[in-house]
N, C-alpha and C. Protein backbone atom coordinates (compact mmCIF):
# COMPACT_ATOMS: atom_id res chain seq x y z
N MET A 1 47.30 1.97 11.18
CA MET A 1 46.93 0.73 11.84
C MET A 1 45.61 0.94 12.60
N ASN A 2 44.72 -0.03 12.52
CA ASN A 2 43.41 0.05 13.16
C ASN A 2 43.48 -0.36 14.63
N SER A 3 42.69 0.31 15.43
CA SER A 3 42.57 -0.11 16.82
C SER A 3 41.44 -1.15 16.90
N HIS A 4 41.38 -1.85 18.00
CA HIS A 4 40.34 -2.88 18.18
C HIS A 4 38.93 -2.29 18.11
N SER A 5 38.77 -1.05 18.54
CA SER A 5 37.43 -0.46 18.54
C SER A 5 36.93 -0.13 17.14
N ASP A 6 37.83 -0.12 16.14
CA ASP A 6 37.44 0.16 14.76
C ASP A 6 36.91 -1.07 14.04
N LEU A 7 37.16 -2.23 14.59
CA LEU A 7 36.77 -3.47 13.91
C LEU A 7 35.31 -3.81 14.22
N PRO A 8 34.53 -4.16 13.19
CA PRO A 8 33.11 -4.46 13.41
C PRO A 8 32.88 -5.59 14.40
N LEU A 9 33.76 -6.56 14.43
CA LEU A 9 33.59 -7.70 15.33
C LEU A 9 33.51 -7.25 16.79
N PHE A 10 34.29 -6.22 17.14
CA PHE A 10 34.33 -5.78 18.53
C PHE A 10 33.15 -4.88 18.90
N SER A 11 32.47 -4.34 17.91
CA SER A 11 31.30 -3.50 18.21
C SER A 11 29.99 -4.28 18.11
N TRP A 12 30.04 -5.53 17.66
CA TRP A 12 28.84 -6.35 17.51
C TRP A 12 28.24 -6.66 18.87
N GLN A 13 26.93 -6.56 18.96
CA GLN A 13 26.20 -6.91 20.17
C GLN A 13 25.20 -8.01 19.82
N PRO A 14 25.10 -9.04 20.64
CA PRO A 14 24.12 -10.08 20.34
C PRO A 14 22.71 -9.52 20.44
N PRO A 15 21.77 -10.09 19.68
CA PRO A 15 20.38 -9.62 19.79
C PRO A 15 19.85 -9.90 21.19
N ARG A 16 18.99 -9.01 21.63
CA ARG A 16 18.39 -9.17 22.96
C ARG A 16 17.33 -10.26 22.90
N CYS A 17 17.36 -11.13 23.86
CA CYS A 17 16.33 -12.15 23.93
C CYS A 17 15.95 -12.34 25.39
N THR A 18 14.76 -12.81 25.59
CA THR A 18 14.28 -13.08 26.93
C THR A 18 13.76 -14.50 26.96
N MET A 19 14.27 -15.27 27.89
CA MET A 19 13.79 -16.62 28.04
C MET A 19 12.76 -16.61 29.17
N ILE A 20 11.59 -17.14 28.88
CA ILE A 20 10.53 -17.22 29.88
C ILE A 20 10.29 -18.70 30.14
N PRO A 21 10.88 -19.24 31.22
CA PRO A 21 10.77 -20.68 31.45
C PRO A 21 9.36 -21.15 31.76
N PHE A 22 8.52 -20.29 32.31
CA PHE A 22 7.15 -20.66 32.64
C PHE A 22 6.20 -19.60 32.08
N PRO A 23 5.93 -19.64 30.77
CA PRO A 23 5.02 -18.63 30.21
C PRO A 23 3.64 -18.75 30.85
N PRO A 24 3.01 -17.63 31.17
CA PRO A 24 1.74 -17.66 31.89
C PRO A 24 0.64 -18.45 31.19
N GLY A 25 0.62 -18.47 29.87
CA GLY A 25 -0.41 -19.19 29.13
C GLY A 25 -0.27 -20.70 29.21
N LYS A 26 0.83 -21.18 29.78
CA LYS A 26 1.06 -22.62 29.93
C LYS A 26 1.01 -23.05 31.39
N ARG A 27 0.77 -22.13 32.30
CA ARG A 27 0.73 -22.45 33.73
C ARG A 27 -0.68 -22.93 34.09
N ILE A 28 -0.90 -24.21 33.86
CA ILE A 28 -2.23 -24.80 33.99
C ILE A 28 -2.82 -24.60 35.39
N GLY A 29 -2.02 -24.78 36.42
CA GLY A 29 -2.53 -24.61 37.79
C GLY A 29 -3.01 -23.19 38.03
N LYS A 30 -2.23 -22.21 37.60
CA LYS A 30 -2.62 -20.80 37.76
C LYS A 30 -3.87 -20.50 36.95
N ILE A 31 -3.93 -21.01 35.74
CA ILE A 31 -5.09 -20.79 34.87
C ILE A 31 -6.35 -21.36 35.51
N ARG A 32 -6.27 -22.57 36.04
CA ARG A 32 -7.44 -23.19 36.68
C ARG A 32 -7.88 -22.41 37.92
N THR A 33 -6.90 -21.97 38.71
CA THR A 33 -7.22 -21.20 39.92
C THR A 33 -7.90 -19.89 39.58
N VAL A 34 -7.36 -19.17 38.59
CA VAL A 34 -7.96 -17.90 38.18
C VAL A 34 -9.39 -18.13 37.67
N ALA A 35 -9.58 -19.16 36.86
CA ALA A 35 -10.92 -19.47 36.33
C ALA A 35 -11.89 -19.79 37.46
N GLU A 36 -11.46 -20.62 38.42
CA GLU A 36 -12.33 -20.98 39.55
C GLU A 36 -12.72 -19.75 40.36
N LYS A 37 -11.74 -18.91 40.66
CA LYS A 37 -12.02 -17.72 41.47
C LYS A 37 -12.87 -16.72 40.69
N TRP A 38 -12.65 -16.62 39.39
CA TRP A 38 -13.47 -15.72 38.57
C TRP A 38 -14.92 -16.19 38.60
N LEU A 39 -15.15 -17.50 38.43
CA LEU A 39 -16.50 -18.05 38.46
C LEU A 39 -17.15 -17.90 39.83
N ALA A 40 -16.35 -17.87 40.89
CA ALA A 40 -16.89 -17.77 42.25
C ALA A 40 -17.33 -16.35 42.61
N GLN A 41 -16.98 -15.37 41.82
CA GLN A 41 -17.38 -13.99 42.12
C GLN A 41 -18.90 -13.88 42.01
N ARG A 42 -19.50 -13.13 42.92
CA ARG A 42 -20.96 -13.05 43.00
C ARG A 42 -21.59 -12.17 41.93
N THR A 43 -20.84 -11.21 41.42
CA THR A 43 -21.41 -10.31 40.42
C THR A 43 -20.41 -10.11 39.28
N PRO A 44 -20.90 -9.72 38.10
CA PRO A 44 -19.97 -9.43 37.00
C PRO A 44 -18.97 -8.33 37.36
N GLY A 45 -19.39 -7.36 38.17
CA GLY A 45 -18.49 -6.29 38.58
C GLY A 45 -17.33 -6.81 39.42
N LEU A 46 -17.63 -7.72 40.34
CA LEU A 46 -16.57 -8.32 41.16
C LEU A 46 -15.65 -9.19 40.30
N ALA A 47 -16.22 -9.91 39.35
CA ALA A 47 -15.41 -10.74 38.45
C ALA A 47 -14.46 -9.86 37.63
N LYS A 48 -14.96 -8.72 37.16
CA LYS A 48 -14.12 -7.81 36.39
C LYS A 48 -12.99 -7.26 37.26
N LYS A 49 -13.34 -6.88 38.49
CA LYS A 49 -12.32 -6.35 39.42
C LYS A 49 -11.25 -7.40 39.70
N TYR A 50 -11.66 -8.64 39.88
CA TYR A 50 -10.71 -9.73 40.12
C TYR A 50 -9.78 -9.90 38.90
N ALA A 51 -10.36 -9.87 37.69
CA ALA A 51 -9.55 -10.01 36.48
C ALA A 51 -8.56 -8.86 36.35
N GLU A 52 -8.97 -7.64 36.71
CA GLU A 52 -8.06 -6.49 36.66
C GLU A 52 -6.91 -6.67 37.65
N GLN A 53 -7.22 -7.22 38.81
CA GLN A 53 -6.18 -7.48 39.82
C GLN A 53 -5.17 -8.49 39.30
N ILE A 54 -5.66 -9.58 38.72
CA ILE A 54 -4.77 -10.61 38.18
C ILE A 54 -3.93 -10.03 37.04
N ASP A 55 -4.56 -9.24 36.17
CA ASP A 55 -3.82 -8.65 35.06
C ASP A 55 -2.73 -7.70 35.57
N GLY A 56 -3.04 -6.93 36.60
CA GLY A 56 -2.03 -6.05 37.19
C GLY A 56 -0.85 -6.83 37.75
N ASP A 57 -1.15 -7.95 38.42
CA ASP A 57 -0.08 -8.82 38.94
C ASP A 57 0.78 -9.35 37.79
N LEU A 58 0.13 -9.75 36.73
CA LEU A 58 0.83 -10.29 35.56
C LEU A 58 1.75 -9.22 34.95
N GLN A 59 1.23 -8.00 34.81
CA GLN A 59 2.03 -6.92 34.23
C GLN A 59 3.21 -6.55 35.14
N ARG A 60 3.02 -6.56 36.45
CA ARG A 60 4.13 -6.29 37.37
C ARG A 60 5.20 -7.38 37.26
N HIS A 61 4.76 -8.61 37.08
CA HIS A 61 5.71 -9.71 36.89
C HIS A 61 6.52 -9.49 35.61
N PHE A 62 5.85 -9.07 34.54
CA PHE A 62 6.55 -8.76 33.30
C PHE A 62 7.53 -7.60 33.48
N ASP A 63 7.16 -6.61 34.29
CA ASP A 63 8.07 -5.49 34.58
C ASP A 63 9.37 -6.00 35.22
N LEU A 64 9.22 -6.90 36.18
CA LEU A 64 10.39 -7.46 36.86
C LEU A 64 11.31 -8.21 35.90
N LEU A 65 10.70 -8.85 34.90
CA LEU A 65 11.48 -9.63 33.93
C LEU A 65 11.95 -8.79 32.75
N ASN A 66 11.57 -7.50 32.73
CA ASN A 66 11.92 -6.60 31.61
C ASN A 66 11.43 -7.14 30.26
N ILE A 67 10.20 -7.64 30.25
CA ILE A 67 9.62 -8.16 29.02
C ILE A 67 9.28 -6.97 28.11
N LEU A 68 9.67 -7.07 26.85
CA LEU A 68 9.39 -6.01 25.88
C LEU A 68 7.90 -5.94 25.57
N PRO A 69 7.40 -4.77 25.18
CA PRO A 69 5.95 -4.58 24.98
C PRO A 69 5.29 -5.58 24.02
N ASP A 70 5.92 -5.89 22.90
CA ASP A 70 5.31 -6.83 21.95
C ASP A 70 5.16 -8.22 22.56
N GLU A 71 6.21 -8.68 23.24
CA GLU A 71 6.17 -9.99 23.87
C GLU A 71 5.17 -10.00 25.03
N ARG A 72 5.13 -8.91 25.76
CA ARG A 72 4.20 -8.77 26.89
C ARG A 72 2.76 -8.90 26.41
N ALA A 73 2.44 -8.22 25.33
CA ALA A 73 1.08 -8.28 24.78
C ALA A 73 0.74 -9.71 24.35
N LYS A 74 1.67 -10.37 23.69
CA LYS A 74 1.45 -11.74 23.23
C LYS A 74 1.22 -12.68 24.41
N LEU A 75 2.05 -12.58 25.43
CA LEU A 75 1.91 -13.44 26.61
C LEU A 75 0.62 -13.17 27.37
N THR A 76 0.21 -11.91 27.43
CA THR A 76 -1.04 -11.56 28.10
C THR A 76 -2.24 -12.16 27.38
N VAL A 77 -2.25 -12.03 26.06
CA VAL A 77 -3.36 -12.60 25.26
C VAL A 77 -3.40 -14.12 25.43
N GLU A 78 -2.25 -14.77 25.40
CA GLU A 78 -2.21 -16.23 25.57
C GLU A 78 -2.76 -16.64 26.93
N PHE A 79 -2.39 -15.91 27.98
CA PHE A 79 -2.86 -16.23 29.32
C PHE A 79 -4.38 -16.10 29.42
N TRP A 80 -4.93 -14.94 28.99
CA TRP A 80 -6.37 -14.73 29.13
C TRP A 80 -7.17 -15.63 28.19
N SER A 81 -6.62 -16.01 27.07
CA SER A 81 -7.29 -16.99 26.19
C SER A 81 -7.40 -18.33 26.89
N ALA A 82 -6.33 -18.72 27.56
CA ALA A 82 -6.34 -20.00 28.30
C ALA A 82 -7.32 -19.93 29.47
N VAL A 83 -7.37 -18.79 30.15
CA VAL A 83 -8.32 -18.63 31.27
C VAL A 83 -9.76 -18.70 30.76
N ARG A 84 -10.06 -18.02 29.65
CA ARG A 84 -11.42 -18.07 29.09
C ARG A 84 -11.81 -19.50 28.70
N ALA A 85 -10.87 -20.23 28.11
CA ALA A 85 -11.15 -21.62 27.74
C ALA A 85 -11.43 -22.46 28.99
N GLU A 86 -10.68 -22.21 30.05
CA GLU A 86 -10.89 -22.96 31.30
C GLU A 86 -12.21 -22.57 31.96
N ILE A 87 -12.58 -21.30 31.90
CA ILE A 87 -13.87 -20.87 32.44
C ILE A 87 -15.00 -21.59 31.71
N THR A 88 -14.90 -21.66 30.39
CA THR A 88 -15.91 -22.37 29.60
C THR A 88 -15.97 -23.84 30.00
N ARG A 89 -14.80 -24.44 30.21
CA ARG A 89 -14.75 -25.86 30.59
C ARG A 89 -15.36 -26.07 31.97
N GLN A 90 -15.11 -25.16 32.90
CA GLN A 90 -15.57 -25.33 34.28
C GLN A 90 -17.02 -24.94 34.49
N ARG A 91 -17.58 -24.14 33.62
CA ARG A 91 -18.95 -23.68 33.81
C ARG A 91 -19.90 -24.87 33.83
N PRO A 92 -20.76 -24.97 34.84
CA PRO A 92 -21.68 -26.12 34.92
C PRO A 92 -22.52 -26.30 33.66
N SER A 93 -22.91 -25.24 33.01
CA SER A 93 -23.77 -25.36 31.82
C SER A 93 -23.00 -25.93 30.63
N SER A 94 -21.66 -25.98 30.70
CA SER A 94 -20.89 -26.53 29.56
C SER A 94 -20.58 -28.01 29.75
N ARG A 95 -20.97 -28.58 30.89
CA ARG A 95 -20.70 -29.99 31.16
C ARG A 95 -21.90 -30.85 30.77
N PRO A 96 -21.63 -32.08 30.34
CA PRO A 96 -22.76 -32.99 30.08
C PRO A 96 -23.57 -33.20 31.37
N GLY A 97 -24.86 -33.13 31.25
CA GLY A 97 -25.71 -33.29 32.42
C GLY A 97 -25.83 -32.04 33.26
N GLY A 98 -25.34 -30.90 32.72
CA GLY A 98 -25.39 -29.62 33.44
C GLY A 98 -26.81 -29.06 33.44
N SER A 99 -26.92 -27.77 33.46
CA SER A 99 -28.24 -27.12 33.60
C SER A 99 -29.14 -27.37 32.41
N ALA A 100 -28.57 -27.77 31.27
CA ALA A 100 -29.40 -28.04 30.09
C ALA A 100 -30.10 -29.39 30.18
N ALA A 101 -29.69 -30.21 31.12
CA ALA A 101 -30.26 -31.56 31.23
C ALA A 101 -31.60 -31.53 31.89
């Protein structure tokens, strides 16, 4: 006679999943704030340091949520892509009537 531990049904584990209710690449307010502060930096070196600080915060947040490396990389790329798009949108030279006028 088989015990319960011998049956495959009892050893089955559901696949691991992580629900991220507010993915960073969709947090428009955060993206706009990061873009504004990045543009406000006086030198490229300061802008880079600010971006490294934000990225470190993002990675620590992922640590707290136990985000797996593949998902973490995807979410990081989505966030910084959105920030770059917002920087381009906010730059005075990209607006009609900006410095090219």
